[in-house]
Amino acid sequence: MATPSPTTALQTEFATMTVLLDLLKQEQEYLVSADTEALEQATPAKTDMVRQMAAATSGRHQALAAAGFPASDKGMESWIGATADASATSLWNALLDLTREAKEQNRVNGMLIARHIAHNQNLLNAMRQPAAGTDSPVYGPSGQTQPAGPSRRFVLG
């Protein structure tokens, strides 16, 4: 299989990043609405898209190396400078903007996830606290109810 040109690889990477950013935005909507079922379904798609993004970046690096430039972002800038292709320059800058936006989106999503985790932990801690007037917690570490102590029922026999 022939190595694509840096322009083709850049177009692939841009398209992939666009889809990844859309998935991150969708993930944020699910996090805000606490839609765990939708999150559960969306996570594999996001994971797959992250893999595709890594492959697209690797493909661009390979295309740069095949064109005689360093396989890096600096190499991309050198290639753009050497080709003086305005559309490639524009696409590269747009990809960099999308990448920054995706990083920020991912950071915000991480904060939302941390907030949900803290909220859930606080709820669990509250349920584990002893009920008023009892010495034992309502729920134990296993999530099962704890006995309230000796039974005061009478045995009839």
Protein backbone atom coordinates (compact mmCIF):
# COMPACT_ATOMS: atom_id res chain seq x y z
CA MET A 1 0.00 0.00 0.00
CA ALA A 2 1.43 3.36 -1.01
CA THR A 3 1.96 6.08 1.56
CA PRO A 4 -0.54 8.90 1.07
CA SER A 5 0.65 12.43 0.44
CA PRO A 6 0.95 14.72 3.45
CA THR A 7 -2.09 16.62 2.13
CA THR A 8 -4.23 13.48 1.98
CA ALA A 9 -3.03 12.38 5.42
CA LEU A 10 -3.81 15.85 6.79
CA GLN A 11 -7.33 15.69 5.37
CA THR A 12 -7.88 12.29 6.97
CA GLU A 13 -6.60 13.53 10.30
CA PHE A 14 -8.81 16.63 10.14
CA ALA A 15 -11.92 14.55 9.36
CA THR A 16 -11.11 12.16 12.21
CA MET A 17 -10.55 14.99 14.68
CA THR A 18 -13.87 16.54 13.66
CA VAL A 19 -15.70 13.33 14.50
CA LEU A 20 -13.78 12.94 17.77
CA LEU A 21 -14.66 16.49 18.83
CA ASP A 22 -18.32 15.84 18.05
CA LEU A 23 -18.19 12.71 20.23
CA LEU A 24 -16.62 14.68 23.08
CA LYS A 25 -19.38 17.29 22.83
CA GLN A 26 -22.00 14.55 22.87
CA GLU A 27 -20.28 13.00 25.88
CA GLN A 28 -20.53 16.34 27.68
CA GLU A 29 -24.27 16.48 27.02
CA TYR A 30 -24.64 13.00 28.48
CA LEU A 31 -22.56 13.96 31.52
CA VAL A 32 -24.58 17.11 32.14
CA SER A 33 -27.85 15.18 31.91
CA ALA A 34 -26.38 12.25 33.89
CA ASP A 35 -27.48 9.86 31.15
CA THR A 36 -25.38 6.86 32.15
CA GLU A 37 -26.93 4.54 29.58
CA ALA A 38 -26.01 6.89 26.73
CA LEU A 39 -22.51 7.33 28.19
CA GLU A 40 -22.10 3.57 28.35
CA GLN A 41 -23.00 3.30 24.67
CA ALA A 42 -20.91 6.30 23.60
CA THR A 43 -17.68 5.30 25.34
CA PRO A 44 -16.68 2.50 22.93
CA ALA A 45 -17.24 4.83 19.95
CA LYS A 46 -15.05 7.49 21.55
CA THR A 47 -12.36 4.94 22.37
CA ASP A 48 -12.40 3.70 18.78
CA MET A 49 -12.20 7.26 17.46
CA VAL A 50 -9.21 7.99 19.70
CA ARG A 51 -7.49 4.94 18.16
CA GLN A 52 -8.38 6.18 14.68
CA MET A 53 -7.00 9.61 15.57
CA ALA A 54 -3.71 8.08 16.68
CA ALA A 55 -3.56 6.10 13.43
CA ALA A 56 -4.33 9.21 11.37
CA THR A 57 -1.57 11.16 13.11
CA SER A 58 0.82 8.27 12.54
CA GLY A 59 -0.21 8.20 8.88
CA ARG A 60 0.54 11.91 8.54
CA HIS A 61 3.94 11.39 10.14
CA GLN A 62 4.67 8.53 7.74
CA ALA A 63 3.64 10.69 4.78
CA LEU A 64 5.92 13.47 5.97
CA ALA A 65 8.83 11.06 6.38
CA ALA A 66 8.21 9.66 2.89
CA ALA A 67 8.29 13.23 1.56
CA GLY A 68 11.64 13.81 3.26
CA PHE A 69 10.47 15.80 6.27
CA PRO A 70 10.64 15.03 10.00
CA ALA A 71 7.76 12.85 11.20
CA SER A 72 6.46 15.45 13.65
CA ASP A 73 4.44 18.62 13.94
CA LYS A 74 7.60 20.60 13.22
CA GLY A 75 8.02 18.49 10.10
CA MET A 76 4.47 19.40 9.09
CA GLU A 77 5.26 23.07 9.47
CA SER A 78 8.44 22.60 7.41
CA TRP A 79 6.48 20.75 4.72
CA ILE A 80 3.85 23.50 4.60
CA GLY A 81 6.57 26.12 4.33
CA ALA A 82 8.23 24.22 1.50
CA THR A 83 5.04 23.62 -0.47
CA ALA A 84 3.52 27.06 0.11
CA ASP A 85 0.09 25.42 -0.32
CA ALA A 86 -2.49 27.85 1.09
CA SER A 87 -5.18 25.18 1.45
CA ALA A 88 -2.80 22.86 3.34
CA THR A 89 -1.79 25.77 5.59
CA SER A 90 -5.43 26.56 6.27
CA LEU A 91 -6.26 22.91 6.94
CA TRP A 92 -3.26 22.52 9.27
CA ASN A 93 -4.28 25.60 11.26
CA ALA A 94 -7.87 24.35 11.42
CA LEU A 95 -6.62 20.97 12.69
CA LEU A 96 -4.56 22.69 15.38
CA ASP A 97 -7.64 24.70 16.42
CA LEU A 98 -9.79 21.54 16.54
CA THR A 99 -7.12 19.79 18.58
CA ARG A 100 -7.04 22.61 21.13
CA GLU A 101 -10.83 22.57 21.31
CA ALA A 102 -10.89 18.79 21.77
CA LYS A 103 -8.31 18.99 24.56
CA GLU A 104 -10.41 21.61 26.34
CA GLN A 105 -13.58 19.59 25.81
CA ASN A 106 -11.85 16.52 27.24
CA ARG A 107 -10.62 18.55 30.23
CA VAL A 108 -14.15 19.81 30.97
CA ASN A 109 -15.57 16.30 30.58
CA GLY A 110 -12.99 15.05 33.03
CA MET A 111 -14.08 17.69 35.52
CA LEU A 112 -17.72 16.68 35.07
CA ILE A 113 -16.81 13.04 35.63
CA ALA A 114 -14.88 13.97 38.79
CA ARG A 115 -17.91 15.92 40.03
CA HIS A 116 -20.19 12.91 39.43
CA ILE A 117 -17.77 10.62 41.23
CA ALA A 118 -17.55 12.97 44.22
CA HIS A 119 -21.34 13.30 44.34
CA ASN A 120 -21.81 9.53 44.21
CA GLN A 121 -19.16 9.03 46.90
CA ASN A 122 -20.93 11.55 49.14
CA LEU A 123 -24.22 9.70 48.63
CA LEU A 124 -22.60 6.37 49.47
CA ASN A 125 -20.99 7.83 52.57
CA ALA A 126 -24.34 9.24 53.68
CA MET A 127 -26.00 5.84 53.26
CA ARG A 128 -23.27 4.18 55.26
CA GLN A 129 -23.75 6.52 58.23
CA PRO A 130 -25.62 5.11 61.17
CA ALA A 131 -29.31 5.94 61.21
CA ALA A 132 -30.47 8.16 64.05
CA GLY A 133 -30.60 6.15 67.26
CA THR A 134 -28.69 3.12 65.94
CA ASP A 135 -25.09 2.12 66.23
CA SER A 136 -24.69 0.39 62.89
CA PRO A 137 -24.66 1.82 59.38
CA VAL A 138 -27.57 1.25 57.04
CA TYR A 139 -25.33 -0.15 54.29
CA GLY A 140 -22.00 -1.87 54.61
CA PRO A 141 -18.98 -1.72 52.29
CA SER A 142 -20.48 -4.51 50.14
CA GLY A 143 -23.58 -2.41 49.51
CA GLN A 144 -25.75 -4.83 51.47
CA THR A 145 -27.86 -3.71 54.39
CA GLN A 146 -26.36 -4.26 57.80
CA PRO A 147 -28.31 -5.92 60.57
CA ALA A 148 -29.49 -3.40 63.14
CA GLY A 149 -28.28 -5.51 66.03
CA PRO A 150 -30.01 -8.14 68.10
CA SER A 151 -33.60 -8.78 67.24
CA ARG A 152 -36.23 -7.83 69.78
CA ARG A 153 -38.74 -10.27 68.41
CA PHE A 154 -40.08 -12.87 70.74
CA VAL A 155 -39.94 -16.51 69.89
CA LEU A 156 -43.22 -18.21 70.49
CA GLY A 157 -43.14 -21.84 70.88
